Protein backbone atom coordinates (compact mmCIF):
# COMPACT_ATOMS: atom_id res chain seq x y z
CA UNK A 1 -5.45 17.92 -18.95
CA UNK A 2 -3.13 20.59 -20.20
CA UNK A 3 -1.05 20.03 -23.33
CA UNK A 4 1.97 18.68 -21.41
CA UNK A 5 0.09 16.17 -19.25
CA UNK A 6 0.31 13.34 -21.77
CA UNK A 7 4.11 13.32 -21.60
CA UNK A 8 4.44 13.72 -17.81
CA UNK A 9 6.64 11.11 -16.15
CA UNK A 10 6.35 10.11 -12.48
CA UNK A 11 8.68 7.53 -10.98
CA UNK A 12 7.28 5.44 -8.16
CA UNK A 13 5.46 2.34 -7.02
CA UNK A 14 2.50 1.92 -9.42
CA UNK A 15 0.29 0.11 -6.89
CA UNK A 16 0.90 2.74 -4.22
CA UNK A 17 0.23 5.65 -6.57
CA UNK A 18 -2.88 3.89 -7.82
CA UNK A 19 -3.99 3.57 -4.20
CA UNK A 20 -3.58 7.33 -3.75
CA UNK A 21 -5.96 8.08 -6.62
CA UNK A 22 -8.42 5.38 -5.59
CA UNK A 23 -8.54 6.66 -2.00
CA UNK A 24 -9.16 10.24 -3.11
CA UNK A 25 -11.86 9.22 -5.58
CA UNK A 26 -13.51 6.99 -3.00
CA UNK A 27 -13.54 9.83 -0.45
CA UNK A 28 -14.96 12.20 -3.06
CA UNK A 29 -17.71 9.77 -4.04
CA UNK A 30 -18.73 9.20 -0.44
CA UNK A 31 -18.70 12.93 0.30
CA UNK A 32 -21.29 13.70 -2.37
CA UNK A 33 -24.82 13.39 -1.01
CA UNK A 34 -26.30 13.69 -4.51
CA UNK A 35 -25.11 12.39 -7.90
CA UNK A 36 -22.26 14.48 -9.26
CA UNK A 37 -19.04 14.38 -11.22
CA UNK A 38 -15.57 13.81 -9.81
CA UNK A 39 -12.98 15.67 -11.88
CA UNK A 40 -9.41 14.48 -12.33
CA UNK A 41 -6.92 16.89 -13.86
CA UNK A 42 -3.20 16.61 -14.59
CA UNK A 43 -0.82 19.52 -15.04
CA UNK A 44 2.93 19.89 -15.16
CA UNK A 45 4.63 22.68 -13.22
CA UNK A 46 8.26 23.79 -13.47
CA UNK A 47 9.36 25.33 -10.17
CA UNK A 48 12.41 27.59 -10.23
CA UNK A 49 12.48 27.81 -6.44
CA UNK A 50 11.07 25.81 -3.50
CA UNK A 51 7.33 26.07 -2.94
CA UNK A 52 5.43 25.36 0.26
CA UNK A 53 2.67 22.80 -0.34
CA UNK A 54 0.62 21.68 2.66
CA UNK A 55 3.08 20.80 5.41
CA UNK A 56 5.91 20.12 2.95
CA UNK A 57 8.21 22.06 0.66
CA UNK A 58 8.82 20.89 -2.90
CA UNK A 59 11.09 22.03 -5.69
CA UNK A 60 12.87 23.35 -7.49
CA UNK A 61 12.26 21.12 -10.47
CA UNK A 62 9.46 19.69 -12.57
CA UNK A 63 6.35 18.37 -10.84
CA UNK A 64 3.27 16.57 -12.03
CA UNK A 65 0.14 17.73 -10.20
CA UNK A 66 -2.84 15.39 -10.08
CA UNK A 67 -6.02 17.10 -8.89
CA UNK A 68 -9.14 15.33 -7.66
CA UNK A 69 -12.17 17.59 -7.15
CA UNK A 70 -15.75 16.94 -6.09
CA UNK A 71 -18.82 19.19 -5.81
CA UNK A 72 -19.75 17.80 -2.38
CA UNK A 73 -20.59 19.67 0.83
CA UNK A 74 -16.98 20.65 1.50
CA UNK A 75 -15.31 21.01 4.89
CA UNK A 76 -14.87 23.75 7.46
CA UNK A 77 -11.51 24.88 8.85
CA UNK A 78 -11.77 22.69 11.95
CA UNK A 79 -12.26 19.56 9.84
CA UNK A 80 -9.49 20.53 7.42
CA UNK A 81 -7.07 20.73 10.34
CA UNK A 82 -7.69 17.07 11.17
CA UNK A 83 -8.36 15.21 7.92
CA UNK A 84 -4.84 13.76 7.68
CA UNK A 85 -4.83 12.42 11.24
CA UNK A 86 -4.78 8.60 11.36
CA UNK A 87 -8.21 7.19 12.25
CA UNK A 88 -9.97 10.58 11.96
CA UNK A 89 -13.13 10.32 9.88
CA UNK A 90 -16.32 12.28 9.37
CA UNK A 91 -18.27 9.15 8.38
CA UNK A 92 -19.84 6.79 10.94
CA UNK A 93 -18.66 3.74 8.97
CA UNK A 94 -15.22 5.10 8.04
CA UNK A 95 -11.86 4.07 9.49
CA UNK A 96 -10.01 7.32 8.78
CA UNK A 97 -7.16 5.52 7.05
CA UNK A 98 -7.41 6.82 3.49
CA UNK A 99 -6.08 10.37 3.71
CA UNK A 100 -3.35 9.55 6.22
CA UNK A 101 -2.16 6.86 3.83
CA UNK A 102 -2.40 9.21 0.84
CA UNK A 103 -0.13 11.79 2.41
CA UNK A 104 2.35 9.20 3.65
CA UNK A 105 2.69 7.59 0.22
CA UNK A 106 3.01 10.94 -1.58
CA UNK A 107 5.65 12.25 0.83
CA UNK A 108 7.63 9.01 0.54
CA UNK A 109 7.71 9.70 -3.20
CA UNK A 110 9.17 13.16 -2.57
CA UNK A 111 5.90 14.97 -3.14
CA UNK A 112 3.27 16.88 -1.19
CA UNK A 113 -0.49 17.12 -0.76
CA UNK A 114 -2.59 20.29 -0.76
CA UNK A 115 -6.32 20.55 -0.11
CA UNK A 116 -8.80 23.33 -0.77
CA UNK A 117 -12.31 23.18 0.62
CA UNK A 118 -15.12 25.34 1.96
CA UNK A 119 -18.57 24.45 3.28
CA UNK A 120 -21.02 24.07 0.39
CA UNK A 121 -18.23 24.70 -2.14
CA UNK A 122 -16.74 21.24 -2.72
CA UNK A 123 -13.22 19.93 -2.15
CA UNK A 124 -10.08 19.64 -4.26
CA UNK A 125 -6.93 17.66 -3.48
CA UNK A 126 -3.72 18.46 -5.36
CA UNK A 127 -1.08 15.73 -5.41
CA UNK A 128 2.38 17.09 -6.26
CA UNK A 129 4.85 14.43 -7.45
CA UNK A 130 8.37 14.87 -8.83
CA UNK A 131 8.35 14.47 -12.59
CA UNK A 132 11.09 13.34 -14.91
CA UNK A 133 12.01 15.01 -18.14
CA UNK A 134 9.25 14.83 -20.77
CA UNK A 135 9.63 12.07 -23.33
CA UNK A 136 7.79 11.06 -26.43
CA UNK A 137 4.98 8.59 -25.67
CA UNK A 138 6.06 5.03 -26.46
CA UNK A 139 3.74 2.52 -28.12
CA UNK A 140 2.33 -0.11 -25.84
CA UNK A 141 4.39 -3.27 -25.67
CA UNK A 142 2.35 -6.42 -26.15
CA UNK A 143 3.30 -9.85 -24.92
CA UNK A 144 5.17 -8.64 -21.81
CA UNK A 145 4.87 -10.58 -18.56
CA UNK A 146 1.73 -9.67 -16.59
CA UNK A 147 2.06 -8.04 -13.18
CA UNK A 148 2.14 -10.36 -10.20
CA UNK A 149 -1.30 -9.67 -8.80
CA UNK A 150 -3.31 -11.75 -6.40
CA UNK A 151 -6.71 -13.31 -6.97
CA UNK A 152 -8.25 -12.74 -3.57
CA UNK A 153 -5.89 -14.97 -1.58
CA UNK A 154 -5.90 -14.27 2.16
CA UNK A 155 -2.66 -12.94 3.66
CA UNK A 156 -2.05 -12.76 7.40
CA UNK A 157 -0.06 -9.65 8.34
CA UNK A 158 1.69 -9.03 11.67
CA UNK A 159 3.07 -5.64 12.67
CA UNK A 160 3.05 -4.19 16.19
CA UNK A 161 2.49 -0.65 14.86
CA UNK A 162 -1.22 -0.31 14.06
CA UNK A 163 -0.81 2.66 11.73
CA UNK A 164 1.85 0.89 9.70
CA UNK A 165 -0.21 -2.31 9.73
CA UNK A 166 -3.18 -0.54 8.18
CA UNK A 167 -0.92 0.94 5.53
CA UNK A 168 0.44 -2.48 4.60
CA UNK A 169 -3.09 -3.90 4.48
CA UNK A 170 -3.92 -1.28 1.86
CA UNK A 171 -0.83 -2.20 -0.18
CA UNK A 172 -1.87 -5.86 -0.15
CA UNK A 173 -5.44 -4.97 -1.10
CA UNK A 174 -4.14 -2.93 -4.04
CA UNK A 175 -2.18 -5.99 -5.17
CA UNK A 176 -5.34 -8.10 -5.24
CA UNK A 177 -5.05 -9.89 -1.89
CA UNK A 178 -7.35 -10.06 1.13
CA UNK A 179 -5.27 -8.88 4.11
CA UNK A 180 -6.05 -9.79 7.71
CA UNK A 181 -3.90 -7.80 10.13
CA UNK A 182 -2.78 -8.48 13.68
CA UNK A 183 -0.72 -6.39 16.08
CA UNK A 184 -0.19 -9.29 18.49
CA UNK A 185 1.26 -12.77 18.02
CA UNK A 186 -1.26 -14.51 20.28
CA UNK A 187 -4.22 -13.34 18.20
CA UNK A 188 -2.51 -14.35 14.95
CA UNK A 189 -1.70 -17.83 16.25
CA UNK A 190 -5.25 -18.27 17.56
CA UNK A 191 -6.62 -17.32 14.14
CA UNK A 192 -4.35 -19.86 12.43
CA UNK A 193 -5.33 -22.65 14.79
CA UNK A 194 -9.02 -21.83 14.56
CA UNK A 195 -9.04 -22.33 10.79
CA UNK A 196 -5.97 -24.02 9.29
CA UNK A 197 -6.99 -23.32 5.69
CA UNK A 198 -7.99 -19.69 6.23
CA UNK A 199 -4.66 -18.11 5.25
CA UNK A 200 -2.69 -18.61 2.06
CA UNK A 201 0.45 -16.78 3.20
CA UNK A 202 1.78 -14.67 6.07
CA UNK A 203 3.74 -11.42 6.10
CA UNK A 204 5.81 -10.72 9.21
CA UNK A 205 7.10 -7.16 9.36
CA UNK A 206 10.37 -6.03 10.85
CA UNK A 207 10.63 -5.67 14.60
CA UNK A 208 13.75 -4.35 16.38
CA UNK A 209 16.00 -6.70 18.29
CA UNK A 210 15.50 -9.73 16.06
CA UNK A 211 12.08 -10.45 17.57
CA UNK A 212 10.54 -10.75 14.10
CA UNK A 213 12.39 -14.07 13.65
CA UNK A 214 10.99 -15.36 16.94
CA UNK A 215 7.55 -14.20 15.86
CA UNK A 216 7.85 -16.00 12.54
CA UNK A 217 9.06 -19.17 14.28
CA UNK A 218 6.07 -19.18 16.65
CA UNK A 219 3.72 -18.67 13.70
CA UNK A 220 5.45 -21.51 11.83
CA UNK A 221 4.91 -23.85 14.79
CA UNK A 222 1.19 -23.03 14.74
CA UNK A 223 0.84 -23.40 10.95
CA UNK A 224 3.78 -25.40 9.52
CA UNK A 225 2.45 -25.37 5.95
CA UNK A 226 1.91 -21.60 5.83
CA UNK A 227 4.50 -19.76 3.67
CA UNK A 228 5.95 -16.87 5.64
CA UNK A 229 7.44 -13.72 4.10
CA UNK A 230 9.73 -11.66 6.33
CA UNK A 231 10.08 -7.91 5.73
CA UNK A 232 13.45 -6.70 7.01
CA UNK A 233 15.57 -3.58 6.40
CA UNK A 234 18.67 -5.72 5.80
CA UNK A 235 19.60 -9.38 5.42
CA UNK A 236 23.09 -8.79 6.81
CA UNK A 237 22.32 -10.23 10.26
CA UNK A 238 19.96 -12.99 9.11
CA UNK A 239 21.55 -16.43 8.93
CA UNK A 240 20.05 -18.98 6.54
CA UNK A 241 19.64 -21.71 9.22
CA UNK A 242 17.61 -19.36 11.42
CA UNK A 243 15.44 -18.36 8.47
CA UNK A 244 14.72 -21.97 7.62
CA UNK A 245 13.96 -22.85 11.24
CA UNK A 246 11.55 -19.92 11.41
CA UNK A 247 9.66 -21.18 8.37
CA UNK A 248 10.52 -18.14 6.26
CA UNK A 249 10.20 -18.77 2.54
CA UNK A 250 10.87 -15.26 1.19
CA UNK A 251 12.61 -12.06 2.25
CA UNK A 252 11.55 -8.55 1.18
CA UNK A 253 12.86 -5.14 2.10
CA UNK A 254 11.31 -3.05 4.84
CA UNK A 255 9.68 -0.55 4.26
CA UNK A 256 7.67 -2.52 1.77
CA UNK A 257 7.88 -1.98 -1.98
CA UNK A 258 4.79 -3.15 -3.84
CA UNK A 259 6.57 -4.74 -6.82
CA UNK A 260 8.97 -6.74 -4.65
CA UNK A 261 6.19 -7.86 -2.31
CA UNK A 262 4.00 -8.91 -5.24
CA UNK A 263 6.77 -11.08 -6.68
CA UNK A 264 7.53 -12.67 -3.29
CA UNK A 265 3.88 -13.48 -2.70
CA UNK A 266 3.49 -15.01 -6.17
CA UNK A 267 6.54 -17.23 -5.63
CA UNK A 268 5.40 -18.27 -2.16
CA UNK A 269 1.93 -19.21 -3.32
CA UNK A 270 3.25 -21.25 -6.25
CA UNK A 271 5.76 -23.02 -3.98
CA UNK A 272 3.09 -23.70 -1.37
CA UNK A 273 0.70 -25.15 -3.95
CA UNK A 274 3.46 -27.39 -5.33
CA UNK A 275 4.40 -28.61 -1.85
CA UNK A 276 0.77 -29.33 -1.08
CA UNK A 277 0.41 -31.47 -4.19
CA UNK A 278 3.57 -33.42 -3.31
CA UNK A 279 2.36 -34.04 0.24
CA UNK A 280 -0.99 -35.28 -1.01
CA UNK A 281 0.69 -37.54 -3.55
CA UNK A 282 3.00 -39.00 -0.89
CA UNK A 283 0.05 -39.63 1.42
CA UNK A 284 -1.85 -41.44 -1.30
CA UNK A 285 1.03 -43.74 -2.18
């Protein structure tokens, strides 16, 4: 790190930014055919005018640049042209999701991604993120509430857009959950009916025309005890009676924000566990 890296400030979703670094390190590790070292570096750049980075333009302003480099086999120009395409992968067992997700998350944070690579010369990714003004490091605060992270609970996710679905699965995985995604309602309902105890919660993502409420209602009919979280861009047109009828226990904003989703999931799981205990107690009496 350079001397300013320890006071660099980046504002964003911690789980999403963590996923960016994890994806890049995972790709680097899998690219190396022999044992080697993955290098992470942090620098702060002050741009006085806009700068073209990858397909984006950043600046002016202060930026934190996180670099991830590996000494692997590198990539040729043809591969570099395609690495950010969804589902493109150079590995037989890969799904091609990682780099597409990396660039999407970084650009949503107002940043950009650059990559340098040559055959037999390794690869380096530079993640440019807007940085706040430098501040003095603050001592760690002890005794604060822990983050709402999962413990491997299984979350059913429905979104008709496969690329977005895969992105949301990664967000859930970063939060400590086991996501199982579906692009169609019929498959999701069949999965619920096949194993009633398989899923701990469901996340229904926004669909135009109010169809997400109908989707949630159909899922609720198939699994009445399953807590359902609805992701919607606005609650303005959502009436409370329709939400209750659809079995929705929590609302979160769409596009998803990791912190909000984590809190909603934690509340839903606690509420579901409490309801389950009450039902069992009533049945035993």
